[in-house]
Amino acid sequence: MKDAVYQTYVKGIYCAQCPEMIISGLLQTRGVIDADVAYFQSLVTVTYDPELVSEQEICSVLADLDYPPFDRRPSLSEQALTRIAHLFSDRSR
């Protein structure tokens, strides 16, 4: 069977390390062949083998990584709120 491509926007990207964490988590998933993140668009592109993993499972992996799939590109205000929330949560540790 031919490889498939799945794209989704995600919430929670707030720094340059976020795409690395997303890609690393996805590549550890059985059936995921390649992954890419467009940082400024919050867009994740996943190439996968549909016989080994489903889009639903990919969405679950993203949610488990704390980057839940989103049906549209997060607005600038949503992105800013995410960054602010992470700043305050990091200080409380």
Protein backbone atom coordinates (compact mmCIF):
# COMPACT_ATOMS: atom_id res chain seq x y z
CA MET A 1 0.00 0.00 0.00
CA LYS A 2 1.11 3.54 -0.74
CA ASP A 3 2.24 5.93 2.02
CA ALA A 4 -0.32 8.53 3.10
CA VAL A 5 0.10 12.13 4.21
CA TYR A 6 -1.82 13.71 7.08
CA GLN A 7 -1.77 17.42 7.91
CA THR A 8 -3.23 19.14 10.92
CA TYR A 9 -2.81 22.35 12.83
CA VAL A 10 -1.85 21.95 16.48
CA LYS A 11 -2.14 24.04 19.61
CA GLY A 12 0.68 24.63 22.03
CA ILE A 13 3.70 25.54 19.89
CA TYR A 14 5.44 28.35 21.74
CA CYS A 15 9.19 27.97 21.21
CA ALA A 16 11.76 26.69 18.74
CA GLN A 17 12.09 23.37 20.62
CA CYS A 18 8.41 22.49 20.24
CA PRO A 19 8.74 21.27 16.61
CA GLU A 20 11.68 19.08 17.64
CA MET A 21 9.60 17.50 20.42
CA ILE A 22 6.66 16.91 18.07
CA ILE A 23 8.82 15.36 15.35
CA SER A 24 10.69 13.18 17.84
CA GLY A 25 7.46 11.89 19.37
CA LEU A 26 5.88 11.18 16.02
CA LEU A 27 8.94 9.39 14.65
CA GLN A 28 8.85 7.04 17.64
CA THR A 29 5.37 5.96 16.55
CA ARG A 30 5.16 2.69 14.64
CA GLY A 31 4.10 3.41 11.07
CA VAL A 32 5.19 7.06 10.97
CA ILE A 33 7.71 7.47 8.17
CA ASP A 34 8.40 11.21 8.32
CA ALA A 35 7.17 14.29 10.15
CA ASP A 36 7.60 18.00 9.68
CA VAL A 37 6.38 21.06 11.56
CA ALA A 38 5.85 24.51 10.07
CA TYR A 39 6.56 26.53 13.24
CA PHE A 40 4.88 29.82 12.32
CA GLN A 41 1.81 28.10 10.90
CA SER A 42 1.50 25.51 13.70
CA LEU A 43 1.07 22.97 10.90
CA VAL A 44 2.18 19.36 11.30
CA THR A 45 2.68 17.14 8.24
CA VAL A 46 3.03 13.41 8.78
CA THR A 47 3.89 10.78 6.18
CA TYR A 48 2.73 7.40 7.41
CA ASP A 49 1.91 3.82 6.47
CA PRO A 50 -1.89 3.48 6.80
CA GLU A 51 -1.54 -0.26 7.34
CA LEU A 52 0.40 0.38 10.56
CA VAL A 53 -1.04 3.59 11.99
CA SER A 54 -4.23 5.62 11.52
CA GLU A 55 -4.85 9.36 11.50
CA GLN A 56 -6.75 8.88 14.77
CA GLU A 57 -3.66 7.31 16.36
CA ILE A 58 -1.48 10.17 15.06
CA CYS A 59 -3.91 12.64 16.65
CA SER A 60 -3.68 10.72 19.92
CA VAL A 61 0.10 10.88 19.83
CA LEU A 62 -0.03 14.64 19.25
CA ALA A 63 -2.47 15.09 22.13
CA ASP A 64 -0.29 12.94 24.41
CA LEU A 65 2.64 15.19 23.53
CA ASP A 66 0.51 18.20 24.66
CA TYR A 67 0.09 19.50 21.10
CA PRO A 68 -3.56 18.69 20.42
CA PRO A 69 -4.77 18.77 16.81
CA PHE A 70 -6.76 21.85 15.90
CA ASP A 71 -9.18 22.22 12.99
CA ARG A 72 -7.77 25.58 11.95
CA ARG A 73 -4.62 27.59 12.33
CA PRO A 74 -4.47 29.07 15.85
CA SER A 75 -4.96 32.83 15.80
CA LEU A 76 -2.16 35.15 16.84
CA SER A 77 -3.93 35.84 20.13
CA GLU A 78 -4.27 32.08 20.82
CA GLN A 79 -0.58 31.62 20.05
CA ALA A 80 0.34 34.53 22.34
CA LEU A 81 -1.80 33.15 25.17
CA THR A 82 -0.09 29.77 24.82
CA ARG A 83 3.34 31.39 25.08
CA ILE A 84 2.30 33.44 28.12
CA ALA A 85 0.79 30.40 29.85
CA HIS A 86 4.02 28.45 29.35
CA LEU A 87 6.09 31.32 30.76
CA PHE A 88 4.08 31.30 33.97
CA SER A 89 3.93 27.52 34.25
CA ASP A 90 7.74 27.29 33.88
CA ARG A 91 8.25 29.77 36.73
CA SER A 92 6.15 27.72 39.12
CA ARG A 93 8.48 24.72 38.90
